[in-house]
Amino acid sequence: AVLVDVRMAASHQEMPALALLSHASERALQWLFERYWHAQ
């Protein structure tokens, strides 16, 4: 959910803080590795 929240804020609201964006990038990479790269 944090990725969707960051997407909403970055697109339509105030730009999220750098710490939150960095954390979200970790979660995004984790999701990509679990859902795509592990399957590959």
Full PDB file with SEQRES, HELIX, SHEET, SSBOND, CRYST1, ORIGX, SCALE, CONECT and MASTER records, all heavy atoms in Angstrom:
SEQRES   1 A   40  ALA VAL LEU VAL ASP VAL ARG MET ALA ALA SER HIS GLN          
SEQRES   2 A   40  GLU MET PRO ALA LEU ALA LEU LEU SER HIS ALA SER GLU          
SEQRES   3 A   40  ARG ALA LEU GLN TRP LEU PHE GLU ARG TYR TRP HIS ALA          
SEQRES   4 A   40  GLN                                                          
HELIX    1 AA1 VAL A    2  HIS A   12  1                                  11    
HELIX    2 AA2 LEU A   18  LEU A   32  1                                  15    
HELIX    3 AA3 PHE A   33  TRP A   37  3                                   5    
CRYST1    1.000    1.000    1.000  90.00  90.00  90.00 P 1           1          
ORIGX1      1.000000  0.000000  0.000000        0.00000                         
ORIGX2      0.000000  1.000000  0.000000        0.00000                         
ORIGX3      0.000000  0.000000  1.000000        0.00000                         
SCALE1      1.000000  0.000000  0.000000        0.00000                         
SCALE2      0.000000  1.000000  0.000000        0.00000                         
SCALE3      0.000000  0.000000  1.000000        0.00000                         
ATOM      1  N   ALA A   1       0.830  -1.218   0.000  1.00  0.00           N  
ATOM      2  CA  ALA A   1       0.000   0.000   0.000  1.00  0.00           C  
ATOM      3  C   ALA A   1       0.856   1.256   0.000  1.00  0.00           C  
ATOM      4  O   ALA A   1       0.457   2.284  -0.576  1.00  0.00           O  
ATOM      5  CB  ALA A   1      -0.927  -0.018   1.209  1.00  0.00           C  
ATOM      6  N   VAL A   2       2.037   1.200   0.623  1.00  0.00           N  
ATOM      7  CA  VAL A   2       2.883   2.391   0.679  1.00  0.00           C  
ATOM      8  C   VAL A   2       3.265   2.854  -0.720  1.00  0.00           C  
ATOM      9  O   VAL A   2       3.410   4.059  -0.963  1.00  0.00           O  
ATOM     10  CB  VAL A   2       4.155   2.124   1.527  1.00  0.00           C  
ATOM     11  CG1 VAL A   2       5.044   1.072   0.878  1.00  0.00           C  
ATOM     12  CG2 VAL A   2       4.934   3.421   1.741  1.00  0.00           C  
ATOM     13  N   LEU A   3       3.395   1.937  -1.662  1.00  0.00           N  
ATOM     14  CA  LEU A   3       3.749   2.325  -3.030  1.00  0.00           C  
ATOM     15  C   LEU A   3       2.602   3.074  -3.703  1.00  0.00           C  
ATOM     16  O   LEU A   3       2.828   4.029  -4.452  1.00  0.00           O  
ATOM     17  CB  LEU A   3       4.120   1.086  -3.850  1.00  0.00           C  
ATOM     18  CG  LEU A   3       5.295   0.259  -3.337  1.00  0.00           C  
ATOM     19  CD1 LEU A   3       5.633  -0.858  -4.314  1.00  0.00           C  
ATOM     20  CD2 LEU A   3       6.508   1.135  -3.098  1.00  0.00           C  
ATOM     21  N   VAL A   4       1.383   2.628  -3.430  1.00  0.00           N  
ATOM     22  CA  VAL A   4       0.217   3.321  -3.993  1.00  0.00           C  
ATOM     23  C   VAL A   4       0.079   4.705  -3.365  1.00  0.00           C  
ATOM     24  O   VAL A   4      -0.236   5.688  -4.046  1.00  0.00           O  
ATOM     25  CB  VAL A   4      -1.061   2.499  -3.779  1.00  0.00           C  
ATOM     26  CG1 VAL A   4      -2.263   3.188  -4.413  1.00  0.00           C  
ATOM     27  CG2 VAL A   4      -0.894   1.092  -4.366  1.00  0.00           C  
ATOM     28  N   ASP A   5       0.323   4.784  -2.066  1.00  0.00           N  
ATOM     29  CA  ASP A   5       0.245   6.082  -1.381  1.00  0.00           C  
ATOM     30  C   ASP A   5       1.294   7.050  -1.923  1.00  0.00           C  
ATOM     31  O   ASP A   5       1.012   8.240  -2.147  1.00  0.00           O  
ATOM     32  CB  ASP A   5       0.451   5.893   0.123  1.00  0.00           C  
ATOM     33  CG  ASP A   5      -0.710   5.143   0.780  1.00  0.00           C  
ATOM     34  OD1 ASP A   5      -1.817   5.135   0.203  1.00  0.00           O  
ATOM     35  OD2 ASP A   5      -0.491   4.552   1.858  1.00  0.00           O  
ATOM     36  N   VAL A   6       2.510   6.542  -2.139  1.00  0.00           N  
ATOM     37  CA  VAL A   6       3.577   7.382  -2.681  1.00  0.00           C  
ATOM     38  C   VAL A   6       3.225   7.829  -4.096  1.00  0.00           C  
ATOM     39  O   VAL A   6       3.441   8.986  -4.480  1.00  0.00           O  
ATOM     40  CB  VAL A   6       4.919   6.638  -2.654  1.00  0.00           C  
ATOM     41  CG1 VAL A   6       5.950   7.336  -3.535  1.00  0.00           C  
ATOM     42  CG2 VAL A   6       5.448   6.545  -1.229  1.00  0.00           C  
ATOM     43  N   ARG A   7       2.675   6.918  -4.883  1.00  0.00           N  
ATOM     44  CA  ARG A   7       2.257   7.269  -6.242  1.00  0.00           C  
ATOM     45  C   ARG A   7       1.235   8.397  -6.212  1.00  0.00           C  
ATOM     46  O   ARG A   7       1.332   9.358  -6.990  1.00  0.00           O  
ATOM     47  CB  ARG A   7       1.658   6.055  -6.932  1.00  0.00           C  
ATOM     48  CG  ARG A   7       0.955   6.369  -8.243  1.00  0.00           C  
ATOM     49  CD  ARG A   7       0.057   5.231  -8.681  1.00  0.00           C  
ATOM     50  NE  ARG A   7      -0.769   5.632  -9.817  1.00  0.00           N  
ATOM     51  CZ  ARG A   7      -1.915   6.289  -9.742  1.00  0.00           C  
ATOM     52  NH1 ARG A   7      -2.370   6.677  -8.534  1.00  0.00           N  
ATOM     53  NH2 ARG A   7      -2.600   6.603 -10.831  1.00  0.00           N  
ATOM     54  N   MET A   8       0.243   8.279  -5.342  1.00  0.00           N  
ATOM     55  CA  MET A   8      -0.803   9.305  -5.247  1.00  0.00           C  
ATOM     56  C   MET A   8      -0.221  10.649  -4.824  1.00  0.00           C  
ATOM     57  O   MET A   8      -0.509  11.697  -5.411  1.00  0.00           O  
ATOM     58  CB  MET A   8      -1.869   8.857  -4.246  1.00  0.00           C  
ATOM     59  CG  MET A   8      -2.954   9.892  -3.988  1.00  0.00           C  
ATOM     60  SD  MET A   8      -3.918  10.297  -5.464  1.00  0.00           S  
ATOM     61  CE  MET A   8      -4.851   8.762  -5.635  1.00  0.00           C  
ATOM     62  N   ALA A   9       0.629  10.625  -3.799  1.00  0.00           N  
ATOM     63  CA  ALA A   9       1.211  11.870  -3.301  1.00  0.00           C  
ATOM     64  C   ALA A   9       2.118  12.513  -4.349  1.00  0.00           C  
ATOM     65  O   ALA A   9       2.050  13.727  -4.587  1.00  0.00           O  
ATOM     66  CB  ALA A   9       1.990  11.599  -2.021  1.00  0.00           C  
ATOM     67  N   ALA A  10       2.955  11.701  -4.993  1.00  0.00           N  
ATOM     68  CA  ALA A  10       3.892  12.249  -5.978  1.00  0.00           C  
ATOM     69  C   ALA A  10       3.174  12.792  -7.201  1.00  0.00           C  
ATOM     70  O   ALA A  10       3.632  13.758  -7.827  1.00  0.00           O  
ATOM     71  CB  ALA A  10       4.885  11.165  -6.397  1.00  0.00           C  
ATOM     72  N   SER A  11       2.028  12.203  -7.547  1.00  0.00           N  
ATOM     73  CA  SER A  11       1.300  12.627  -8.747  1.00  0.00           C  
ATOM     74  C   SER A  11       0.367  13.800  -8.497  1.00  0.00           C  
ATOM     75  O   SER A  11       0.209  14.663  -9.370  1.00  0.00           O  
ATOM     76  CB  SER A  11       0.481  11.446  -9.303  1.00  0.00           C  
ATOM     77  OG  SER A  11       1.310  10.352  -9.630  1.00  0.00           O  
ATOM     78  N   HIS A  12      -0.262  13.846  -7.329  1.00  0.00           N  
ATOM     79  CA  HIS A  12      -1.332  14.812  -7.119  1.00  0.00           C  
ATOM     80  C   HIS A  12      -1.188  15.672  -5.863  1.00  0.00           C  
ATOM     81  O   HIS A  12      -1.974  16.591  -5.672  1.00  0.00           O  
ATOM     82  CB  HIS A  12      -2.685  14.084  -7.048  1.00  0.00           C  
ATOM     83  CG  HIS A  12      -2.927  13.169  -8.207  1.00  0.00           C  
ATOM     84  ND1 HIS A  12      -3.145  13.631  -9.489  1.00  0.00           N  
ATOM     85  CD2 HIS A  12      -2.979  11.812  -8.280  1.00  0.00           C  
ATOM     86  CE1 HIS A  12      -3.331  12.607 -10.304  1.00  0.00           C  
ATOM     87  NE2 HIS A  12      -3.242  11.489  -9.599  1.00  0.00           N  
ATOM     88  N   GLN A  13      -0.243  15.348  -4.999  1.00  0.00           N  
ATOM     89  CA  GLN A  13      -0.141  16.065  -3.734  1.00  0.00           C  
ATOM     90  C   GLN A  13       1.292  16.571  -3.538  1.00  0.00           C  
ATOM     91  O   GLN A  13       2.037  16.741  -4.500  1.00  0.00           O  
ATOM     92  CB  GLN A  13      -0.582  15.143  -2.587  1.00  0.00           C  
ATOM     93  CG  GLN A  13      -2.015  14.617  -2.742  1.00  0.00           C  
ATOM     94  CD  GLN A  13      -2.319  13.471  -1.805  1.00  0.00           C  
ATOM     95  OE1 GLN A  13      -1.539  13.146  -0.917  1.00  0.00           O  
ATOM     96  NE2 GLN A  13      -3.474  12.838  -2.006  1.00  0.00           N  
ATOM     97  N   GLU A  14       1.661  16.771  -2.295  1.00  0.00           N  
ATOM     98  CA  GLU A  14       3.021  17.231  -2.001  1.00  0.00           C  
ATOM     99  C   GLU A  14       4.003  16.089  -2.184  1.00  0.00           C  
ATOM    100  O   GLU A  14       3.727  14.939  -1.823  1.00  0.00           O  
ATOM    101  CB  GLU A  14       3.080  17.763  -0.566  1.00  0.00           C  
ATOM    102  CG  GLU A  14       4.426  18.376  -0.200  1.00  0.00           C  
ATOM    103  CD  GLU A  14       4.424  18.937   1.205  1.00  0.00           C  
ATOM    104  OE1 GLU A  14       3.344  18.951   1.835  1.00  0.00           O  
ATOM    105  OE2 GLU A  14       5.496  19.362   1.663  1.00  0.00           O  
ATOM    106  N   MET A  15       5.152  16.390  -2.757  1.00  0.00           N  
ATOM    107  CA  MET A  15       6.162  15.366  -2.995  1.00  0.00           C  
ATOM    108  C   MET A  15       6.586  14.730  -1.677  1.00  0.00           C  
ATOM    109  O   MET A  15       6.916  15.427  -0.716  1.00  0.00           O  
ATOM    110  CB  MET A  15       7.382  15.980  -3.675  1.00  0.00           C  
ATOM    111  CG  MET A  15       8.457  14.973  -4.060  1.00  0.00           C  
ATOM    112  SD  MET A  15       7.935  13.832  -5.344  1.00  0.00           S  
ATOM    113  CE  MET A  15       7.745  14.961  -6.730  1.00  0.00           C  
ATOM    114  N   PRO A  16       6.576  13.370  -1.589  1.00  0.00           N  
ATOM    115  CA  PRO A  16       6.980  12.701  -0.348  1.00  0.00           C  
ATOM    116  C   PRO A  16       8.425  13.012   0.028  1.00  0.00           C  
ATOM    117  O   PRO A  16       9.248  13.374  -0.822  1.00  0.00           O  
ATOM    118  CB  PRO A  16       6.804  11.220  -0.693  1.00  0.00           C  
ATOM    119  CG  PRO A  16       5.824  11.199  -1.814  1.00  0.00           C  
ATOM    120  CD  PRO A  16       6.097  12.430  -2.607  1.00  0.00           C  
ATOM    121  N   ALA A  17       8.719  12.826   1.294  1.00  0.00           N  
ATOM    122  CA  ALA A  17      10.078  13.058   1.796  1.00  0.00           C  
ATOM    123  C   ALA A  17      11.033  12.027   1.218  1.00  0.00           C  
ATOM    124  O   ALA A  17      10.638  10.922   0.837  1.00  0.00           O  
ATOM    125  CB  ALA A  17      10.084  12.994   3.317  1.00  0.00           C  
ATOM    126  N   LEU A  18      12.301  12.389   1.172  1.00  0.00           N  
ATOM    127  CA  LEU A  18      13.309  11.511   0.595  1.00  0.00           C  
ATOM    128  C   LEU A  18      13.376  10.183   1.343  1.00  0.00           C  
ATOM    129  O   LEU A  18      13.516   9.121   0.721  1.00  0.00           O  
ATOM    130  CB  LEU A  18      14.680  12.205   0.635  1.00  0.00           C  
ATOM    131  CG  LEU A  18      15.854  11.403   0.053  1.00  0.00           C  
ATOM    132  CD1 LEU A  18      15.604  11.028  -1.397  1.00  0.00           C  
ATOM    133  CD2 LEU A  18      17.148  12.210   0.182  1.00  0.00           C  
ATOM    134  N   ALA A  19      13.276  10.213   2.669  1.00  0.00           N  
ATOM    135  CA  ALA A  19      13.350   8.977   3.451  1.00  0.00           C  
ATOM    136  C   ALA A  19      12.214   8.027   3.075  1.00  0.00           C  
ATOM    137  O   ALA A  19      12.419   6.810   2.937  1.00  0.00           O  
ATOM    138  CB  ALA A  19      13.299   9.290   4.947  1.00  0.00           C  
ATOM    139  N   LEU A  20      11.017   8.564   2.876  1.00  0.00           N  
ATOM    140  CA  LEU A  20       9.874   7.733   2.490  1.00  0.00           C  
ATOM    141  C   LEU A  20      10.056   7.179   1.087  1.00  0.00           C  
ATOM    142  O   LEU A  20       9.760   6.005   0.826  1.00  0.00           O  
ATOM    143  CB  LEU A  20       8.583   8.551   2.577  1.00  0.00           C  
ATOM    144  CG  LEU A  20       7.301   7.830   2.112  1.00  0.00           C  
ATOM    145  CD1 LEU A  20       7.081   6.551   2.903  1.00  0.00           C  
ATOM    146  CD2 LEU A  20       6.098   8.757   2.236  1.00  0.00           C  
ATOM    147  N   LEU A  21      10.549   7.999   0.184  1.00  0.00           N  
ATOM    148  CA  LEU A  21      10.778   7.542  -1.188  1.00  0.00           C  
ATOM    149  C   LEU A  21      11.832   6.441  -1.243  1.00  0.00           C  
ATOM    150  O   LEU A  21      11.683   5.457  -1.979  1.00  0.00           O  
ATOM    151  CB  LEU A  21      11.206   8.726  -2.062  1.00  0.00           C  
ATOM    152  CG  LEU A  21      10.112   9.757  -2.350  1.00  0.00           C  
ATOM    153  CD1 LEU A  21      10.728  11.048  -2.869  1.00  0.00           C  
ATOM    154  CD2 LEU A  21       9.102   9.199  -3.348  1.00  0.00           C  
ATOM    155  N   SER A  22      12.886   6.595  -0.442  1.00  0.00           N  
ATOM    156  CA  SER A  22      13.922   5.565  -0.398  1.00  0.00           C  
ATOM    157  C   SER A  22      13.360   4.259   0.152  1.00  0.00           C  
ATOM    158  O   SER A  22      13.632   3.177  -0.381  1.00  0.00           O  
ATOM    159  CB  SER A  22      15.091   6.048   0.471  1.00  0.00           C  
ATOM    160  OG  SER A  22      16.092   5.054   0.549  1.00  0.00           O  
ATOM    161  N   HIS A  23      12.563   4.359   1.206  1.00  0.00           N  
ATOM    162  CA  HIS A  23      11.924   3.166   1.780  1.00  0.00           C  
ATOM    163  C   HIS A  23      10.990   2.520   0.754  1.00  0.00           C  
ATOM    164  O   HIS A  23      10.985   1.284   0.596  1.00  0.00           O  
ATOM    165  CB  HIS A  23      11.142   3.547   3.029  1.00  0.00           C  
ATOM    166  CG  HIS A  23      10.238   2.460   3.527  1.00  0.00           C  
ATOM    167  ND1 HIS A  23      10.714   1.304   4.121  1.00  0.00           N  
ATOM    168  CD2 HIS A  23       8.869   2.338   3.498  1.00  0.00           C  
ATOM    169  CE1 HIS A  23       9.692   0.522   4.431  1.00  0.00           C  
ATOM    170  NE2 HIS A  23       8.565   1.128   4.072  1.00  0.00           N  
ATOM    171  N   ALA A  24      10.223   3.335   0.054  1.00  0.00           N  
ATOM    172  CA  ALA A  24       9.300   2.803  -0.953  1.00  0.00           C  
ATOM    173  C   ALA A  24      10.055   2.102  -2.071  1.00  0.00           C  
ATOM    174  O   ALA A  24       9.589   1.082  -2.603  1.00  0.00           O  
ATOM    175  CB  ALA A  24       8.445   3.934  -1.521  1.00  0.00           C  
ATOM    176  N   SER A  25      11.222   2.623  -2.426  1.00  0.00           N  
ATOM    177  CA  SER A  25      12.011   1.969  -3.486  1.00  0.00           C  
ATOM    178  C   SER A  25      12.473   0.587  -3.037  1.00  0.00           C  
ATOM    179  O   SER A  25      12.530  -0.352  -3.847  1.00  0.00           O  
ATOM    180  CB  SER A  25      13.214   2.839  -3.872  1.00  0.00           C  
ATOM    181  OG  SER A  25      14.218   2.844  -2.858  1.00  0.00           O  
ATOM    182  N   GLU A  26      12.799   0.438  -1.757  1.00  0.00           N  
ATOM    183  CA  GLU A  26      13.166  -0.877  -1.232  1.00  0.00           C  
ATOM    184  C   GLU A  26      11.994  -1.845  -1.340  1.00  0.00           C  
ATOM    185  O   GLU A  26      12.149  -3.000  -1.757  1.00  0.00           O  
ATOM    186  CB  GLU A  26      13.603  -0.765   0.224  1.00  0.00           C  
ATOM    187  CG  GLU A  26      14.916  -0.058   0.455  1.00  0.00           C  
ATOM    188  CD  GLU A  26      15.295  -0.074   1.931  1.00  0.00           C  
ATOM    189  OE1 GLU A  26      15.113  -1.112   2.574  1.00  0.00           O  
ATOM    190  OE2 GLU A  26      15.770   0.961   2.427  1.00  0.00           O  
ATOM    191  N   ARG A  27      10.793  -1.378  -0.951  1.00  0.00           N  
ATOM    192  CA  ARG A  27       9.601  -2.221  -1.016  1.00  0.00           C  
ATOM    193  C   ARG A  27       9.269  -2.586  -2.462  1.00  0.00           C  
ATOM    194  O   ARG A  27       8.846  -3.712  -2.759  1.00  0.00           O  
ATOM    195  CB  ARG A  27       8.421  -1.510  -0.367  1.00  0.00           C  
ATOM    196  CG  ARG A  27       8.597  -1.176   1.108  1.00  0.00           C  
ATOM    197  CD  ARG A  27       8.671  -2.439   1.963  1.00  0.00           C  
ATOM    198  NE  ARG A  27       7.473  -3.263   1.829  1.00  0.00           N  
ATOM    199  CZ  ARG A  27       6.335  -3.077   2.494  1.00  0.00           C  
ATOM    200  NH1 ARG A  27       6.246  -2.054   3.353  1.00  0.00           N  
ATOM    201  NH2 ARG A  27       5.310  -3.875   2.327  1.00  0.00           N  
ATOM    202  N   ALA A  28       9.464  -1.630  -3.366  1.00  0.00           N  
ATOM    203  CA  ALA A  28       9.190  -1.883  -4.777  1.00  0.00           C  
ATOM    204  C   ALA A  28      10.132  -2.940  -5.335  1.00  0.00           C  
ATOM    205  O   ALA A  28       9.710  -3.859  -6.051  1.00  0.00           O  
ATOM    206  CB  ALA A  28       9.312  -0.587  -5.578  1.00  0.00           C  
ATOM    207  N   LEU A  29      11.409  -2.816  -5.006  1.00  0.00           N  
ATOM    208  CA  LEU A  29      12.383  -3.809  -5.472  1.00  0.00           C  
ATOM    209  C   LEU A  29      12.080  -5.186  -4.886  1.00  0.00           C  
ATOM    210  O   LEU A  29      12.193  -6.207  -5.578  1.00  0.00           O  
ATOM    211  CB  LEU A  29      13.797  -3.365  -5.101  1.00  0.00           C  
ATOM    212  CG  LEU A  29      14.369  -2.216  -5.938  1.00  0.00           C  
ATOM    213  CD1 LEU A  29      15.664  -1.709  -5.323  1.00  0.00           C  
ATOM    214  CD2 LEU A  29      14.611  -2.677  -7.378  1.00  0.00           C  
ATOM    215  N   GLN A  30      11.695  -5.211  -3.622  1.00  0.00           N  
ATOM    216  CA  GLN A  30      11.335  -6.487  -3.001  1.00  0.00           C  
ATOM    217  C   GLN A  30      10.173  -7.139  -3.751  1.00  0.00           C  
ATOM    218  O   GLN A  30      10.196  -8.333  -4.035  1.00  0.00           O  
ATOM    219  CB  GLN A  30      10.960  -6.262  -1.536  1.00  0.00           C  
ATOM    220  CG  GLN A  30      10.601  -7.554  -0.801  1.00  0.00           C  
ATOM    221  CD  GLN A  30      10.200  -7.291   0.641  1.00  0.00           C  
ATOM    222  OE1 GLN A  30      10.036  -6.152   1.065  1.00  0.00           O  
ATOM    223  NE2 GLN A  30      10.045  -8.342   1.419  1.00  0.00           N  
ATOM    224  N   TRP A  31       9.162  -6.335  -4.069  1.00  0.00           N  
ATOM    225  CA  TRP A  31       8.003  -6.871  -4.805  1.00  0.00           C  
ATOM    226  C   TRP A  31       8.413  -7.356  -6.189  1.00  0.00           C  
ATOM    227  O   TRP A  31       7.987  -8.430  -6.632  1.00  0.00           O  
ATOM    228  CB  TRP A  31       6.933  -5.785  -4.927  1.00  0.00           C  
ATOM    229  CG  TRP A  31       5.658  -6.296  -5.556  1.00  0.00           C  
ATOM    230  CD1 TRP A  31       4.612  -6.906  -4.936  1.00  0.00           C  
ATOM    231  CD2 TRP A  31       5.309  -6.222  -6.941  1.00  0.00           C  
ATOM    232  NE1 TRP A  31       3.634  -7.235  -5.837  1.00  0.00           N  
ATOM    233  CE2 TRP A  31       4.029  -6.821  -7.086  1.00  0.00           C  
ATOM    234  CE3 TRP A  31       5.931  -5.713  -8.080  1.00  0.00           C  
ATOM    235  CZ2 TRP A  31       3.382  -6.926  -8.321  1.00  0.00           C  
ATOM    236  CZ3 TRP A  31       5.289  -5.816  -9.311  1.00  0.00           C  
ATOM    237  CH2 TRP A  31       4.040  -6.415  -9.414  1.00  0.00           C  
ATOM    238  N   LEU A  32       9.247  -6.598  -6.871  1.00  0.00           N  
ATOM    239  CA  LEU A  32       9.701  -6.985  -8.207  1.00  0.00           C  
ATOM    240  C   LEU A  32      10.495  -8.283  -8.172  1.00  0.00           C  
ATOM    241  O   LEU A  32      10.318  -9.162  -9.022  1.00  0.00           O  
ATOM    242  CB  LEU A  32      10.540  -5.863  -8.824  1.00  0.00           C  
ATOM    243  CG  LEU A  32       9.774  -4.629  -9.302  1.00  0.00           C  
ATOM    244  CD1 LEU A  32      10.721  -3.461  -9.539  1.00  0.00           C  
ATOM    245  CD2 LEU A  32       8.983  -4.949 -10.567  1.00  0.00           C  
ATOM    246  N   PHE A  33      11.370  -8.408  -7.171  1.00  0.00           N  
ATOM    247  CA  PHE A  33      12.180  -9.628  -7.088  1.00  0.00           C  
ATOM    248  C   PHE A  33      11.311 -10.835  -6.747  1.00  0.00           C  
ATOM    249  O   PHE A  33      11.511 -11.927  -7.286  1.00  0.00           O  
ATOM    250  CB  PHE A  33      13.299  -9.457  -6.052  1.00  0.00           C  
ATOM    251  CG  PHE A  33      14.475  -8.684  -6.573  1.00  0.00           C  
ATOM    252  CD1 PHE A  33      14.780  -7.428  -6.075  1.00  0.00           C  
ATOM    253  CD2 PHE A  33      15.273  -9.206  -7.572  1.00  0.00           C  
ATOM    254  CE1 PHE A  33      15.842  -6.701  -6.572  1.00  0.00           C  
ATOM    255  CE2 PHE A  33      16.353  -8.490  -8.073  1.00  0.00           C  
ATOM    256  CZ  PHE A  33      16.647  -7.235  -7.579  1.00  0.00           C  
ATOM    257  N   GLU A  34      10.329 -10.648  -5.874  1.00  0.00           N  
ATOM    258  CA  GLU A  34       9.471 -11.766  -5.491  1.00  0.00           C  
ATOM    259  C   GLU A  34       8.517 -12.161  -6.606  1.00  0.00           C  
ATOM    260  O   GLU A  34       8.295 -13.349  -6.846  1.00  0.00           O  
ATOM    261  CB  GLU A  34       8.671 -11.401  -4.236  1.00  0.00           C  
ATOM    262  CG  GLU A  34       9.521 -11.297  -2.977  1.00  0.00           C  
ATOM    263  CD  GLU A  34       8.714 -10.824  -1.774  1.00  0.00           C  
ATOM    264  OE1 GLU A  34       7.526 -10.447  -1.968  1.00  0.00           O  
ATOM    265  OE2 GLU A  34       9.266 -10.816  -0.661  1.00  0.00           O  
ATOM    266  N   ARG A  35       7.939 -11.180  -7.284  1.00  0.00           N  
ATOM    267  CA  ARG A  35       6.899 -11.460  -8.274  1.00  0.00           C  
ATOM    268  C   ARG A  35       7.432 -11.675  -9.679  1.00  0.00           C  
ATOM    269  O   ARG A  35       6.771 -12.315 -10.492  1.00  0.00           O  
ATOM    270  CB  ARG A  35       5.872 -10.311  -8.298  1.00  0.00           C  
ATOM    271  CG  ARG A  35       5.088 -10.175  -7.016  1.00  0.00           C  
ATOM    272  CD  ARG A  35       4.344 -11.480  -6.683  1.00  0.00           C  
ATOM    273  NE  ARG A  35       3.549 -11.366  -5.482  1.00  0.00           N  
ATOM    274  CZ  ARG A  35       2.249 -11.101  -5.470  1.00  0.00           C  
ATOM    275  NH1 ARG A  35       1.608 -10.924  -6.610  1.00  0.00           N  
ATOM    276  NH2 ARG A  35       1.600 -11.025  -4.329  1.00  0.00           N  
ATOM    277  N   TYR A  36       8.586 -11.132 -10.007  1.00  0.00           N  
ATOM    278  CA  TYR A  36       9.100 -11.254 -11.378  1.00  0.00           C  
ATOM    279  C   TYR A  36      10.414 -12.035 -11.441  1.00  0.00           C  
ATOM    280  O   TYR A  36      10.502 -13.063 -12.108  1.00  0.00           O  
ATOM    281  CB  TYR A  36       9.295  -9.865 -11.993  1.00  0.00           C  
ATOM    282  CG  TYR A  36       9.841  -9.925 -13.406  1.00  0.00           C  
ATOM    283  CD1 TYR A  36       9.002 -10.184 -14.479  1.00  0.00           C  
ATOM    284  CD2 TYR A  36      11.200  -9.721 -13.662  1.00  0.00           C  
ATOM    285  CE1 TYR A  36       9.497 -10.261 -15.776  1.00  0.00           C  
ATOM    286  CE2 TYR A  36      11.704  -9.785 -14.954  1.00  0.00           C  
ATOM    287  CZ  TYR A  36      10.853 -10.050 -16.009  1.00  0.00           C  
ATOM    288  OH  TYR A  36      11.358 -10.122 -17.278  1.00  0.00           O  
ATOM    289  N   TRP A  37      11.420 -11.540 -10.711  1.00  0.00           N  
ATOM    290  CA  TRP A  37      12.748 -12.135 -10.872  1.00  0.00           C  
ATOM    291  C   TRP A  37      12.828 -13.560 -10.335  1.00  0.00           C  
ATOM    292  O   TRP A  37      13.488 -14.414 -10.929  1.00  0.00           O  
ATOM    293  CB  TRP A  37      13.793 -11.241 -10.208  1.00  0.00           C  
ATOM    294  CG  TRP A  37      13.947  -9.944 -10.933  1.00  0.00           C  
ATOM    295  CD1 TRP A  37      13.504  -8.718 -10.528  1.00  0.00           C  
ATOM    296  CD2 TRP A  37      14.545  -9.740 -12.215  1.00  0.00           C  
ATOM    297  NE1 TRP A  37      13.798  -7.763 -11.479  1.00  0.00           N  
ATOM    298  CE2 TRP A  37      14.438  -8.357 -12.520  1.00  0.00           C  
ATOM    299  CE3 TRP A  37      15.157 -10.586 -13.128  1.00  0.00           C  
ATOM    300  CZ2 TRP A  37      14.929  -7.813 -13.710  1.00  0.00           C  
ATOM    301  CZ3 TRP A  37      15.647 -10.047 -14.312  1.00  0.00           C  
ATOM    302  CH2 TRP A  37      15.532  -8.687 -14.589  1.00  0.00           C  
ATOM    303  N   HIS A  38      12.178 -13.844  -9.214  1.00  0.00           N  
ATOM    304  CA  HIS A  38      12.183 -15.217  -8.715  1.00  0.00           C  
ATOM    305  C   HIS A  38      11.478 -16.150  -9.690  1.00  0.00           C  
ATOM    306  O   HIS A  38      11.927 -17.276  -9.917  1.00  0.00           O  
ATOM    307  CB  HIS A  38      11.513 -15.282  -7.339  1.00  0.00           C  
ATOM    308  CG  HIS A  38      12.344 -14.682  -6.244  1.00  0.00           C  
ATOM    309  ND1 HIS A  38      11.919 -14.589  -4.942  1.00  0.00           N  
ATOM    310  CD2 HIS A  38      13.592 -14.132  -6.257  1.00  0.00           C  
ATOM    311  CE1 HIS A  38      12.865 -14.019  -4.203  1.00  0.00           C  
ATOM    312  NE2 HIS A  38      13.876 -13.726  -4.979  1.00  0.00           N  
ATOM    313  N   ALA A  39      10.365 -15.675 -10.268  1.00  0.00           N  
ATOM    314  CA  ALA A  39       9.659 -16.486 -11.265  1.00  0.00           C  
ATOM    315  C   ALA A  39      10.535 -16.713 -12.493  1.00  0.00           C  
ATOM    316  O   ALA A  39      10.561 -17.821 -13.059  1.00  0.00           O  
ATOM    317  CB  ALA A  39       8.352 -15.805 -11.664  1.00  0.00           C  
ATOM    318  N   GLN A  40      11.261 -15.683 -12.909  1.00  0.00           N  
ATOM    319  CA  GLN A  40      12.169 -15.831 -14.045  1.00  0.00           C  
ATOM    320  C   GLN A  40      13.276 -16.837 -13.740  1.00  0.00           C  
ATOM    321  O   GLN A  40      13.631 -17.667 -14.582  1.00  0.00           O  
ATOM    322  CB  GLN A  40      12.783 -14.471 -14.391  1.00  0.00           C  
ATOM    323  CG  GLN A  40      11.823 -13.492 -15.021  1.00  0.00           C  
ATOM    324  CD  GLN A  40      11.403 -13.892 -16.412  1.00  0.00           C  
ATOM    325  OE1 GLN A  40      12.235 -14.129 -17.279  1.00  0.00           O  
ATOM    326  NE2 GLN A  40      10.107 -13.974 -16.633  1.00  0.00           N  
TER     327      GLN A  40                                                      
MASTER        0    0    0    3    0    0    0    6  326    1    0    4          
END                                                                             
